[in-house]
Structure formats: structure tokens, C-alpha cells
Amino acid sequence: MAISEFEIKRCEKELEKFLDLRRPPPHVRDELDISYRIEDQSVEIFEVRPQWDDPSKKIETSVAKTTYVKKEKHWKVFWQRQDLKWHSYEPMKIVSTFEEFLRLVHEDKHSCFFG
């Protein structure tokens, strides 16, 4: 079940604040940028770069993902390992708020999200 329109707007507002902190300067963004997508009950944060052998194409590299569990009213936190699969973020698998998820990703204490 998808999160509500109200929740999507709230997430977008918080994500814009997060991007203001994490995005590279404007003159670098053609070479490296950060963005997000919201699908159903999940929010994914990813890096955007030109493809090495064809700079006209952009590639996305996943950074972090969270999924809202409405029944339990919490967010599950995931990171992507070298196997390109999503894994629970062991230091904190669940957070109470979306803002808490963004704080975890921004701090990246264990270098799981941004390396």
C-alpha cells in the first residue's frame, strides 16, 4: 500500500532539506549529483553520474532506501551492498520517523551509504 499524498509531500519537503546539505556545488552536478524517488511505500536516494563510456547517458547508483510499514508505523532502513541487493541496515534496521532515516543517511557513521 502506497503512503498517503500528505506523507509524500512531507517526505519531499524533508528530502529537499537533505539534498541542500548533501548535493555537490552546482558547477559539479553534471559530473555528480544526488536525487531521490518515491515509489509506493518506499523512498530511495541515489547518486547520478555520466556513464563512463558515453557521457550523454546518466547512471544511477543507489545510496539508501527506506520503506514505510503502515501497520507498525515505522520505517525500515536499507543499504545496498556489493551484490547490488538491498540489506537491512544492521546498526538500526527500523526508525520511527522519516527524519530519523535521513539523519542516519546523512551522518553515515558506518560508511554504508556514501562509502
PDB file of N, CA and C in Angstrom:
ATOM      1  N   MET A   1       0.842  -1.185   0.000  1.00  0.00           N
ATOM      2  CA  MET A   1       0.000   0.000   0.000  1.00  0.00           C
ATOM      3  C   MET A   1       0.885   1.246   0.000  1.00  0.00           C
ATOM      4  N   ALA A   2       0.607   2.165  -0.888  1.00  0.00           N
ATOM      5  CA  ALA A   2       1.395   3.387  -1.014  1.00  0.00           C
ATOM      6  C   ALA A   2       1.158   4.320   0.166  1.00  0.00           C
ATOM      7  N   ILE A   3       2.170   5.142   0.452  1.00  0.00           N
ATOM      8  CA  ILE A   3       1.984   6.125   1.510  1.00  0.00           C
ATOM      9  C   ILE A   3       1.065   7.237   0.991  1.00  0.00           C
ATOM     10  N   SER A   4       0.433   7.943   1.890  1.00  0.00           N
ATOM     11  CA  SER A   4      -0.565   8.956   1.523  1.00  0.00           C
ATOM     12  C   SER A   4       0.078  10.144   0.806  1.00  0.00           C
ATOM     13  N   GLU A   5      -0.742  10.898   0.089  1.00  0.00           N
ATOM     14  CA  GLU A   5      -0.272  12.106  -0.596  1.00  0.00           C
ATOM     15  C   GLU A   5       0.316  13.099   0.407  1.00  0.00           C
ATOM     16  N   PHE A   6      -0.321  13.210   1.551  1.00  0.00           N
ATOM     17  CA  PHE A   6       0.178  14.096   2.598  1.00  0.00           C
ATOM     18  C   PHE A   6       1.572  13.665   3.037  1.00  0.00           C
ATOM     19  N   GLU A   7       1.750  12.378   3.254  1.00  0.00           N
ATOM     20  CA  GLU A   7       3.053  11.855   3.681  1.00  0.00           C
ATOM     21  C   GLU A   7       4.098  12.032   2.584  1.00  0.00           C
ATOM     22  N   ILE A   8       3.703  11.863   1.338  1.00  0.00           N
ATOM     23  CA  ILE A   8       4.627  12.063   0.218  1.00  0.00           C
ATOM     24  C   ILE A   8       5.120  13.503   0.205  1.00  0.00           C
ATOM     25  N   LYS A   9       4.215  14.453   0.356  1.00  0.00           N
ATOM     26  CA  LYS A   9       4.598  15.875   0.371  1.00  0.00           C
ATOM     27  C   LYS A   9       5.536  16.176   1.535  1.00  0.00           C
ATOM     28  N   ARG A  10       5.255  15.588   2.684  1.00  0.00           N
ATOM     29  CA  ARG A  10       6.106  15.792   3.851  1.00  0.00           C
ATOM     30  C   ARG A  10       7.502  15.207   3.598  1.00  0.00           C
ATOM     31  N   CYS A  11       7.542  14.023   3.007  1.00  0.00           N
ATOM     32  CA  CYS A  11       8.826  13.392   2.685  1.00  0.00           C
ATOM     33  C   CYS A  11       9.603  14.238   1.674  1.00  0.00           C
ATOM     34  N   GLU A  12       8.912  14.728   0.666  1.00  0.00           N
ATOM     35  CA  GLU A  12       9.576  15.560  -0.350  1.00  0.00           C
ATOM     36  C   GLU A  12      10.180  16.814   0.282  1.00  0.00           C
ATOM     37  N   LYS A  13       9.456  17.418   1.190  1.00  0.00           N
ATOM     38  CA  LYS A  13       9.960  18.609   1.879  1.00  0.00           C
ATOM     39  C   LYS A  13      11.237  18.286   2.655  1.00  0.00           C
ATOM     40  N   GLU A  14      11.239  17.171   3.377  1.00  0.00           N
ATOM     41  CA  GLU A  14      12.419  16.755   4.138  1.00  0.00           C
ATOM     42  C   GLU A  14      13.563  16.342   3.214  1.00  0.00           C
ATOM     43  N   LEU A  15      13.227  15.694   2.109  1.00  0.00           N
ATOM     44  CA  LEU A  15      14.261  15.293   1.149  1.00  0.00           C
ATOM     45  C   LEU A  15      14.931  16.513   0.529  1.00  0.00           C
ATOM     46  N   GLU A  16      14.186  17.560   0.266  1.00  0.00           N
ATOM     47  CA  GLU A  16      14.777  18.777  -0.289  1.00  0.00           C
ATOM     48  C   GLU A  16      15.765  19.399   0.705  1.00  0.00           C
ATOM     49  N   LYS A  17      15.436  19.368   1.977  1.00  0.00           N
ATOM     50  CA  LYS A  17      16.379  19.850   3.004  1.00  0.00           C
ATOM     51  C   LYS A  17      17.641  18.984   3.007  1.00  0.00           C
ATOM     52  N   PHE A  18      17.445  17.671   2.914  1.00  0.00           N
ATOM     53  CA  PHE A  18      18.561  16.727   2.888  1.00  0.00           C
ATOM     54  C   PHE A  18      19.457  17.007   1.674  1.00  0.00           C
ATOM     55  N   LEU A  19      18.843  17.205   0.506  1.00  0.00           N
ATOM     56  CA  LEU A  19      19.620  17.474  -0.701  1.00  0.00           C
ATOM     57  C   LEU A  19      20.397  18.775  -0.580  1.00  0.00           C
ATOM     58  N   ASP A  20      19.809  19.767   0.055  1.00  0.00           N
ATOM     59  CA  ASP A  20      20.532  21.031   0.260  1.00  0.00           C
ATOM     60  C   ASP A  20      21.827  20.802   1.026  1.00  0.00           C
ATOM     61  N   LEU A  21      21.815  19.837   1.940  1.00  0.00           N
ATOM     62  CA  LEU A  21      23.021  19.529   2.723  1.00  0.00           C
ATOM     63  C   LEU A  21      24.016  18.655   1.961  1.00  0.00           C
ATOM     64  N   ARG A  22      23.520  17.730   1.152  1.00  0.00           N
ATOM     65  CA  ARG A  22      24.377  16.688   0.565  1.00  0.00           C
ATOM     66  C   ARG A  22      24.789  16.913  -0.885  1.00  0.00           C
ATOM     67  N   ARG A  23      24.035  17.711  -1.637  1.00  0.00           N
ATOM     68  CA  ARG A  23      24.354  17.860  -3.059  1.00  0.00           C
ATOM     69  C   ARG A  23      25.688  18.576  -3.249  1.00  0.00           C
ATOM     70  N   PRO A  24      26.405  18.197  -4.294  1.00  0.00           N
ATOM     71  CA  PRO A  24      27.647  18.909  -4.600  1.00  0.00           C
ATOM     72  C   PRO A  24      27.319  20.316  -5.121  1.00  0.00           C
ATOM     73  N   PRO A  25      28.320  21.186  -5.207  1.00  0.00           N
ATOM     74  CA  PRO A  25      28.080  22.539  -5.730  1.00  0.00           C
ATOM     75  C   PRO A  25      27.531  22.482  -7.161  1.00  0.00           C
ATOM     76  N   PRO A  26      26.789  23.499  -7.567  1.00  0.00           N
ATOM     77  CA  PRO A  26      26.154  23.488  -8.899  1.00  0.00           C
ATOM     78  C   PRO A  26      27.105  23.216 -10.061  1.00  0.00           C
ATOM     79  N   HIS A  27      28.341  23.706 -10.004  1.00  0.00           N
ATOM     80  CA  HIS A  27      29.263  23.519 -11.127  1.00  0.00           C
ATOM     81  C   HIS A  27      29.749  22.066 -11.258  1.00  0.00           C
ATOM     82  N   VAL A  28      29.482  21.226 -10.252  1.00  0.00           N
ATOM     83  CA  VAL A  28      29.912  19.823 -10.275  1.00  0.00           C
ATOM     84  C   VAL A  28      28.759  18.884 -10.657  1.00  0.00           C
ATOM     85  N   ARG A  29      27.563  19.354 -10.592  1.00  0.00           N
ATOM     86  CA  ARG A  29      26.388  18.482 -10.714  1.00  0.00           C
ATOM     87  C   ARG A  29      26.242  17.770 -12.059  1.00  0.00           C
ATOM     88  N   ASP A  30      26.898  18.241 -13.090  1.00  0.00           N
ATOM     89  CA  ASP A  30      26.875  17.488 -14.356  1.00  0.00           C
ATOM     90  C   ASP A  30      27.701  16.212 -14.247  1.00  0.00           C
ATOM     91  N   GLU A  31      28.662  16.210 -13.335  1.00  0.00           N
ATOM     92  CA  GLU A  31      29.537  15.050 -13.135  1.00  0.00           C
ATOM     93  C   GLU A  31      29.097  14.164 -11.977  1.00  0.00           C
ATOM     94  N   LEU A  32      28.448  14.758 -10.972  1.00  0.00           N
ATOM     95  CA  LEU A  32      27.975  14.007  -9.815  1.00  0.00           C
ATOM     96  C   LEU A  32      26.836  14.782  -9.167  1.00  0.00           C
ATOM     97  N   ASP A  33      25.729  14.106  -8.972  1.00  0.00           N
ATOM     98  CA  ASP A  33      24.597  14.723  -8.301  1.00  0.00           C
ATOM     99  C   ASP A  33      23.929  13.671  -7.438  1.00  0.00           C
ATOM    100  N   ILE A  34      22.963  14.095  -6.664  1.00  0.00           N
ATOM    101  CA  ILE A  34      22.211  13.180  -5.818  1.00  0.00           C
ATOM    102  C   ILE A  34      20.732  13.496  -5.989  1.00  0.00           C
ATOM    103  N   SER A  35      19.911  12.447  -5.968  1.00  0.00           N
ATOM    104  CA  SER A  35      18.479  12.631  -6.174  1.00  0.00           C
ATOM    105  C   SER A  35      17.722  11.559  -5.397  1.00  0.00           C
ATOM    106  N   TYR A  36      16.416  11.511  -5.604  1.00  0.00           N
ATOM    107  CA  TYR A  36      15.577  10.531  -4.909  1.00  0.00           C
ATOM    108  C   TYR A  36      14.373  10.169  -5.765  1.00  0.00           C
ATOM    109  N   ARG A  37      13.732   9.085  -5.369  1.00  0.00           N
ATOM    110  CA  ARG A  37      12.456   8.704  -5.977  1.00  0.00           C
ATOM    111  C   ARG A  37      11.580   8.111  -4.888  1.00  0.00           C
ATOM    112  N   ILE A  38      10.295   8.325  -5.052  1.00  0.00           N
ATOM    113  CA  ILE A  38       9.319   7.763  -4.130  1.00  0.00           C
ATOM    114  C   ILE A  38       8.411   6.857  -4.946  1.00  0.00           C
ATOM    115  N   GLU A  39       8.363   5.585  -4.549  1.00  0.00           N
ATOM    116  CA  GLU A  39       7.522   4.593  -5.227  1.00  0.00           C
ATOM    117  C   GLU A  39       6.787   3.770  -4.187  1.00  0.00           C
ATOM    118  N   ASP A  40       5.489   3.736  -4.303  1.00  0.00           N
ATOM    119  CA  ASP A  40       4.644   3.021  -3.352  1.00  0.00           C
ATOM    120  C   ASP A  40       4.953   3.493  -1.933  1.00  0.00           C
ATOM    121  N   GLN A  41       5.444   2.612  -1.085  1.00  0.00           N
ATOM    122  CA  GLN A  41       5.743   2.985   0.298  1.00  0.00           C
ATOM    123  C   GLN A  41       7.241   3.147   0.542  1.00  0.00           C
ATOM    124  N   SER A  42       8.026   3.214  -0.524  1.00  0.00           N
ATOM    125  CA  SER A  42       9.482   3.297  -0.388  1.00  0.00           C
ATOM    126  C   SER A  42      10.041   4.602  -0.939  1.00  0.00           C
ATOM    127  N   VAL A  43      11.151   5.022  -0.330  1.00  0.00           N
ATOM    128  CA  VAL A  43      11.898   6.190  -0.780  1.00  0.00           C
ATOM    129  C   VAL A  43      13.339   5.732  -0.992  1.00  0.00           C
ATOM    130  N   GLU A  44      13.869   6.032  -2.162  1.00  0.00           N
ATOM    131  CA  GLU A  44      15.245   5.662  -2.485  1.00  0.00           C
ATOM    132  C   GLU A  44      16.059   6.914  -2.786  1.00  0.00           C
ATOM    133  N   ILE A  45      17.254   6.971  -2.243  1.00  0.00           N
ATOM    134  CA  ILE A  45      18.197   8.051  -2.512  1.00  0.00           C
ATOM    135  C   ILE A  45      19.311   7.457  -3.373  1.00  0.00           C
ATOM    136  N   PHE A  46      19.723   8.194  -4.420  1.00  0.00           N
ATOM    137  CA  PHE A  46      20.740   7.660  -5.324  1.00  0.00           C
ATOM    138  C   PHE A  46      21.618   8.771  -5.886  1.00  0.00           C
ATOM    139  N   GLU A  47      22.823   8.384  -6.308  1.00  0.00           N
ATOM    140  CA  GLU A  47      23.743   9.291  -6.983  1.00  0.00           C
ATOM    141  C   GLU A  47      23.502   9.195  -8.482  1.00  0.00           C
ATOM    142  N   VAL A  48      23.741  10.300  -9.183  1.00  0.00           N
ATOM    143  CA  VAL A  48      23.594  10.353 -10.636  1.00  0.00           C
ATOM    144  C   VAL A  48      24.916  10.830 -11.219  1.00  0.00           C
ATOM    145  N   ARG A  49      25.445  10.038 -12.162  1.00  0.00           N
ATOM    146  CA  ARG A  49      26.718  10.355 -12.823  1.00  0.00           C
ATOM    147  C   ARG A  49      26.605  10.054 -14.315  1.00  0.00           C
ATOM    148  N   PRO A  50      27.472  10.654 -15.124  1.00  0.00           N
ATOM    149  CA  PRO A  50      27.511  10.258 -16.536  1.00  0.00           C
ATOM    150  C   PRO A  50      28.111   8.857 -16.664  1.00  0.00           C
ATOM    151  N   GLN A  51      27.635   8.126 -17.635  1.00  0.00           N
ATOM    152  CA  GLN A  51      28.201   6.800 -17.894  1.00  0.00           C
ATOM    153  C   GLN A  51      29.626   6.992 -18.410  1.00  0.00           C
ATOM    154  N   TRP A  52      30.551   6.176 -17.933  1.00  0.00           N
ATOM    155  CA  TRP A  52      31.977   6.388 -18.228  1.00  0.00           C
ATOM    156  C   TRP A  52      32.306   6.325 -19.725  1.00  0.00           C
ATOM    157  N   ASP A  53      31.630   5.437 -20.469  1.00  0.00           N
ATOM    158  CA  ASP A  53      31.961   5.282 -21.882  1.00  0.00           C
ATOM    159  C   ASP A  53      31.009   6.053 -22.804  1.00  0.00           C
ATOM    160  N   ASP A  54      29.985   6.676 -22.220  1.00  0.00           N
ATOM    161  CA  ASP A  54      29.064   7.503 -23.004  1.00  0.00           C
ATOM    162  C   ASP A  54      28.486   8.575 -22.081  1.00  0.00           C
ATOM    163  N   PRO A  55      29.190   9.687 -21.940  1.00  0.00           N
ATOM    164  CA  PRO A  55      28.774  10.729 -21.004  1.00  0.00           C
ATOM    165  C   PRO A  55      27.392  11.323 -21.279  1.00  0.00           C
ATOM    166  N   SER A  56      26.841  11.051 -22.442  1.00  0.00           N
ATOM    167  CA  SER A  56      25.500  11.572 -22.726  1.00  0.00           C
ATOM    168  C   SER A  56      24.428  10.774 -21.964  1.00  0.00           C
ATOM    169  N   LYS A  57      24.798   9.593 -21.470  1.00  0.00           N
ATOM    170  CA  LYS A  57      23.882   8.766 -20.685  1.00  0.00           C
ATOM    171  C   LYS A  57      24.197   8.927 -19.207  1.00  0.00           C
ATOM    172  N   LYS A  58      23.158   8.917 -18.397  1.00  0.00           N
ATOM    173  CA  LYS A  58      23.327   9.027 -16.948  1.00  0.00           C
ATOM    174  C   LYS A  58      23.089   7.668 -16.295  1.00  0.00           C
ATOM    175  N   ILE A  59      23.872   7.375 -15.259  1.00  0.00           N
ATOM    176  CA  ILE A  59      23.666   6.154 -14.488  1.00  0.00           C
ATOM    177  C   ILE A  59      23.335   6.542 -13.051  1.00  0.00           C
ATOM    178  N   GLU A  60      22.560   5.700 -12.423  1.00  0.00           N
ATOM    179  CA  GLU A  60      22.167   5.922 -11.037  1.00  0.00           C
ATOM    180  C   GLU A  60      22.792   4.845 -10.162  1.00  0.00           C
ATOM    181  N   THR A  61      23.334   5.263  -9.037  1.00  0.00           N
ATOM    182  CA  THR A  61      23.910   4.342  -8.068  1.00  0.00           C
ATOM    183  C   THR A  61      23.160   4.521  -6.759  1.00  0.00           C
ATOM    184  N   SER A  62      22.525   3.464  -6.310  1.00  0.00           N
ATOM    185  CA  SER A  62      21.715   3.545  -5.101  1.00  0.00           C
ATOM    186  C   SER A  62      22.565   3.852  -3.879  1.00  0.00           C
ATOM    187  N   VAL A  63      22.001   4.650  -2.978  1.00  0.00           N
ATOM    188  CA  VAL A  63      22.689   5.051  -1.754  1.00  0.00           C
ATOM    189  C   VAL A  63      21.973   4.472  -0.537  1.00  0.00           C
ATOM    190  N   ALA A  64      20.675   4.721  -0.449  1.00  0.00           N
ATOM    191  CA  ALA A  64      19.898   4.280   0.715  1.00  0.00           C
ATOM    192  C   ALA A  64      18.440   4.138   0.323  1.00  0.00           C
ATOM    193  N   LYS A  65      17.736   3.343   1.123  1.00  0.00           N
ATOM    194  CA  LYS A  65      16.314   3.128   0.863  1.00  0.00           C
ATOM    195  C   LYS A  65      15.595   2.950   2.197  1.00  0.00           C
ATOM    196  N   THR A  66      14.372   3.440   2.249  1.00  0.00           N
ATOM    197  CA  THR A  66      13.540   3.205   3.413  1.00  0.00           C
ATOM    198  C   THR A  66      12.143   2.832   2.938  1.00  0.00           C
ATOM    199  N   THR A  67      11.498   1.985   3.694  1.00  0.00           N
ATOM    200  CA  THR A  67      10.151   1.536   3.369  1.00  0.00           C
ATOM    201  C   THR A  67       9.263   1.714   4.590  1.00  0.00           C
ATOM    202  N   TYR A  68       8.126   2.364   4.369  1.00  0.00           N
ATOM    203  CA  TYR A  68       7.190   2.606   5.466  1.00  0.00           C
ATOM    204  C   TYR A  68       6.312   1.377   5.683  1.00  0.00           C
ATOM    205  N   VAL A  69       6.217   0.943   6.934  1.00  0.00           N
ATOM    206  CA  VAL A  69       5.350  -0.176   7.307  1.00  0.00           C
ATOM    207  C   VAL A  69       4.173   0.441   8.062  1.00  0.00           C
ATOM    208  N   LYS A  70       3.098   0.650   7.338  1.00  0.00           N
ATOM    209  CA  LYS A  70       1.948   1.376   7.893  1.00  0.00           C
ATOM    210  C   LYS A  70       1.361   0.680   9.122  1.00  0.00           C
ATOM    211  N   LYS A  71       1.234  -0.625   9.055  1.00  0.00           N
ATOM    212  CA  LYS A  71       0.648  -1.402  10.144  1.00  0.00           C
ATOM    213  C   LYS A  71       1.392  -1.185  11.459  1.00  0.00           C
ATOM    214  N   GLU A  72       2.725  -1.067  11.368  1.00  0.00           N
ATOM    215  CA  GLU A  72       3.549  -0.924  12.562  1.00  0.00           C
ATOM    216  C   GLU A  72       4.022   0.513  12.790  1.00  0.00           C
ATOM    217  N   LYS A  73       3.715   1.393  11.842  1.00  0.00           N
ATOM    218  CA  LYS A  73       4.039   2.823  11.930  1.00  0.00           C
ATOM    219  C   LYS A  73       5.523   3.081  12.168  1.00  0.00           C
ATOM    220  N   HIS A  74       6.349   2.439  11.330  1.00  0.00           N
ATOM    221  CA  HIS A  74       7.783   2.705  11.372  1.00  0.00           C
ATOM    222  C   HIS A  74       8.374   2.572   9.962  1.00  0.00           C
ATOM    223  N   TRP A  75       9.623   2.963   9.846  1.00  0.00           N
ATOM    224  CA  TRP A  75      10.345   2.904   8.573  1.00  0.00           C
ATOM    225  C   TRP A  75      11.470   1.877   8.690  1.00  0.00           C
ATOM    226  N   LYS A  76      11.568   0.987   7.710  1.00  0.00           N
ATOM    227  CA  LYS A  76      12.685   0.043   7.634  1.00  0.00           C
ATOM    228  C   LYS A  76      13.807   0.713   6.844  1.00  0.00           C
ATOM    229  N   VAL A  77      15.038   0.499   7.277  1.00  0.00           N
ATOM    230  CA  VAL A  77      16.198   1.141   6.663  1.00  0.00           C
ATOM    231  C   VAL A  77      17.030   0.088   5.932  1.00  0.00           C
ATOM    232  N   PHE A  78      17.437   0.423   4.699  1.00  0.00           N
ATOM    233  CA  PHE A  78      18.220  -0.491   3.873  1.00  0.00           C
ATOM    234  C   PHE A  78      19.424   0.221   3.263  1.00  0.00           C
ATOM    235  N   TRP A  79      20.449  -0.569   2.989  1.00  0.00           N
ATOM    236  CA  TRP A  79      21.595  -0.092   2.223  1.00  0.00           C
ATOM    237  C   TRP A  79      21.923  -1.144   1.184  1.00  0.00           C
ATOM    238  N   GLN A  80      22.599  -0.741   0.115  1.00  0.00           N
ATOM    239  CA  GLN A  80      22.897  -1.672  -0.964  1.00  0.00           C
ATOM    240  C   GLN A  80      24.359  -2.093  -0.899  1.00  0.00           C
ATOM    241  N   ARG A  81      24.564  -3.391  -0.823  1.00  0.00           N
ATOM    242  CA  ARG A  81      25.918  -3.943  -0.748  1.00  0.00           C
ATOM    243  C   ARG A  81      26.466  -4.193  -2.143  1.00  0.00           C
ATOM    244  N   GLN A  82      27.666  -4.748  -2.215  1.00  0.00           N
ATOM    245  CA  GLN A  82      28.310  -5.012  -3.499  1.00  0.00           C
ATOM    246  C   GLN A  82      27.530  -5.979  -4.372  1.00  0.00           C
ATOM    247  N   ASP A  83      26.686  -6.800  -3.751  1.00  0.00           N
ATOM    248  CA  ASP A  83      25.888  -7.742  -4.545  1.00  0.00           C
ATOM    249  C   ASP A  83      24.687  -7.059  -5.205  1.00  0.00           C
ATOM    250  N   LEU A  84      24.572  -5.733  -5.031  1.00  0.00           N
ATOM    251  CA  LEU A  84      23.504  -4.910  -5.607  1.00  0.00           C
ATOM    252  C   LEU A  84      22.107  -5.280  -5.095  1.00  0.00           C
ATOM    253  N   LYS A  85      22.073  -5.896  -3.918  1.00  0.00           N
ATOM    254  CA  LYS A  85      20.803  -6.221  -3.270  1.00  0.00           C
ATOM    255  C   LYS A  85      20.651  -5.333  -2.038  1.00  0.00           C
ATOM    256  N   TRP A  86      19.404  -5.055  -1.695  1.00  0.00           N
ATOM    257  CA  TRP A  86      19.134  -4.257  -0.500  1.00  0.00           C
ATOM    258  C   TRP A  86      19.239  -5.135   0.740  1.00  0.00           C
ATOM    259  N   HIS A  87      19.946  -4.621   1.742  1.00  0.00           N
ATOM    260  CA  HIS A  87      20.126  -5.321   3.010  1.00  0.00           C
ATOM    261  C   HIS A  87      19.681  -4.409   4.145  1.00  0.00           C
ATOM    262  N   SER A  88      19.142  -5.001   5.193  1.00  0.00           N
ATOM    263  CA  SER A  88      18.786  -4.213   6.369  1.00  0.00           C
ATOM    264  C   SER A  88      20.037  -3.537   6.911  1.00  0.00           C
ATOM    265  N   TYR A  89      19.878  -2.312   7.315  1.00  0.00           N
ATOM    266  CA  TYR A  89      20.987  -1.559   7.898  1.00  0.00           C
ATOM    267  C   TYR A  89      21.127  -2.018   9.340  1.00  0.00           C
ATOM    268  N   GLU A  90      22.079  -2.891   9.589  1.00  0.00           N
ATOM    269  CA  GLU A  90      22.219  -3.572  10.878  1.00  0.00           C
ATOM    270  C   GLU A  90      22.310  -2.645  12.094  1.00  0.00           C
ATOM    271  N   PRO A  91      23.036  -1.538  12.027  1.00  0.00           N
ATOM    272  CA  PRO A  91      23.082  -0.706  13.232  1.00  0.00           C
ATOM    273  C   PRO A  91      21.707  -0.184  13.659  1.00  0.00           C
ATOM    274  N   MET A  92      20.803   0.016  12.690  1.00  0.00           N
ATOM    275  CA  MET A  92      19.468   0.491  13.020  1.00  0.00           C
ATOM    276  C   MET A  92      18.516   0.085  11.893  1.00  0.00           C
ATOM    277  N   LYS A  93      17.903  -1.068  12.023  1.00  0.00           N
ATOM    278  CA  LYS A  93      17.032  -1.614  10.980  1.00  0.00           C
ATOM    279  C   LYS A  93      15.723  -0.854  10.844  1.00  0.00           C
ATOM    280  N   ILE A  94      15.284  -0.250  11.937  1.00  0.00           N
ATOM    281  CA  ILE A  94      13.975   0.414  11.973  1.00  0.00           C
ATOM    282  C   ILE A  94      14.129   1.761  12.651  1.00  0.00           C
ATOM    283  N   VAL A  95      13.448   2.761  12.087  1.00  0.00           N
ATOM    284  CA  VAL A  95      13.390   4.080  12.715  1.00  0.00           C
ATOM    285  C   VAL A  95      11.926   4.498  12.817  1.00  0.00           C
ATOM    286  N   SER A  96      11.657   5.393  13.741  1.00  0.00           N
ATOM    287  CA  SER A  96      10.279   5.826  13.985  1.00  0.00           C
ATOM    288  C   SER A  96       9.790   6.864  12.982  1.00  0.00           C
ATOM    289  N   THR A  97      10.726   7.705  12.512  1.00  0.00           N
ATOM    290  CA  THR A  97      10.320   8.804  11.632  1.00  0.00           C
ATOM    291  C   THR A  97      11.175   8.838  10.377  1.00  0.00           C
ATOM    292  N   PHE A  98      10.643   9.478   9.371  1.00  0.00           N
ATOM    293  CA  PHE A  98      11.368   9.657   8.124  1.00  0.00           C
ATOM    294  C   PHE A  98      12.592  10.549   8.347  1.00  0.00           C
ATOM    295  N   GLU A  99      12.457  11.553   9.190  1.00  0.00           N
ATOM    296  CA  GLU A  99      13.566  12.445   9.507  1.00  0.00           C
ATOM    297  C   GLU A  99      14.722  11.686  10.147  1.00  0.00           C
ATOM    298  N   GLU A 100      14.396  10.707  10.949  1.00  0.00           N
ATOM    299  CA  GLU A 100      15.429   9.881  11.579  1.00  0.00           C
ATOM    300  C   GLU A 100      16.200   9.081  10.524  1.00  0.00           C
ATOM    301  N   PHE A 101      15.494   8.588   9.521  1.00  0.00           N
ATOM    302  CA  PHE A 101      16.150   7.893   8.402  1.00  0.00           C
ATOM    303  C   PHE A 101      17.132   8.826   7.706  1.00  0.00           C
ATOM    304  N   LEU A 102      16.682  10.031   7.381  1.00  0.00           N
ATOM    305  CA  LEU A 102      17.553  10.979   6.690  1.00  0.00           C
ATOM    306  C   LEU A 102      18.763  11.358   7.546  1.00  0.00           C
ATOM    307  N   ARG A 103      18.575  11.467   8.822  1.00  0.00           N
ATOM    308  CA  ARG A 103      19.686  11.769   9.731  1.00  0.00           C
ATOM    309  C   ARG A 103      20.725  10.636   9.702  1.00  0.00           C
ATOM    310  N   LEU A 104      20.247   9.381   9.728  1.00  0.00           N
ATOM    311  CA  LEU A 104      21.155   8.220   9.643  1.00  0.00           C
ATOM    312  C   LEU A 104      21.981   8.253   8.361  1.00  0.00           C
ATOM    313  N   VAL A 105      21.307   8.521   7.252  1.00  0.00           N
ATOM    314  CA  VAL A 105      21.991   8.529   5.956  1.00  0.00           C
ATOM    315  C   VAL A 105      22.988   9.679   5.903  1.00  0.00           C
ATOM    316  N   HIS A 106      22.591  10.826   6.371  1.00  0.00           N
ATOM    317  CA  HIS A 106      23.477  11.989   6.329  1.00  0.00           C
ATOM    318  C   HIS A 106      24.724  11.765   7.191  1.00  0.00           C
ATOM    319  N   GLU A 107      24.539  11.248   8.396  1.00  0.00           N
ATOM    320  CA  GLU A 107      25.673  11.008   9.295  1.00  0.00           C
ATOM    321  C   GLU A 107      26.560   9.884   8.773  1.00  0.00           C
ATOM    322  N   ASP A 108      25.966   8.841   8.233  1.00  0.00           N
ATOM    323  CA  ASP A 108      26.681   7.709   7.624  1.00  0.00           C
ATOM    324  C   ASP A 108      27.848   7.240   8.496  1.00  0.00           C
ATOM    325  N   LYS A 109      27.583   7.004   9.761  1.00  0.00           N
ATOM    326  CA  LYS A 109      28.613   6.650  10.745  1.00  0.00           C
ATOM    327  C   LYS A 109      29.419   5.420  10.378  1.00  0.00           C
ATOM    328  N   HIS A 110      28.814   4.478   9.651  1.00  0.00           N
ATOM    329  CA  HIS A 110      29.493   3.223   9.310  1.00  0.00           C
ATOM    330  C   HIS A 110      29.894   3.163   7.829  1.00  0.00           C
ATOM    331  N   SER A 111      29.795   4.279   7.155  1.00  0.00           N
ATOM    332  CA  SER A 111      30.195   4.399   5.732  1.00  0.00           C
ATOM    333  C   SER A 111      29.483   3.379   4.847  1.00  0.00           C
ATOM    334  N   CYS A 112      28.249   3.108   5.141  1.00  0.00           N
ATOM    335  CA  CYS A 112      27.476   2.158   4.342  1.00  0.00           C
ATOM    336  C   CYS A 112      26.752   2.832   3.179  1.00  0.00           C
ATOM    337  N   PHE A 113      26.397   4.083   3.341  1.00  0.00           N
ATOM    338  CA  PHE A 113      25.585   4.753   2.335  1.00  0.00           C
ATOM    339  C   PHE A 113      26.435   5.463   1.279  1.00  0.00           C
ATOM    340  N   PHE A 114      27.323   6.310   1.712  1.00  0.00           N
ATOM    341  CA  PHE A 114      28.134   7.073   0.772  1.00  0.00           C
ATOM    342  C   PHE A 114      29.571   6.571   0.685  1.00  0.00           C
ATOM    343  N   GLY A 115      29.885   5.517   1.434  1.00  0.00           N
ATOM    344  CA  GLY A 115      31.198   4.891   1.359  1.00  0.00           C
ATOM    345  C   GLY A 115      32.275   5.616   1.997  1.00  0.00           C
TER     346      GLY A 115
END
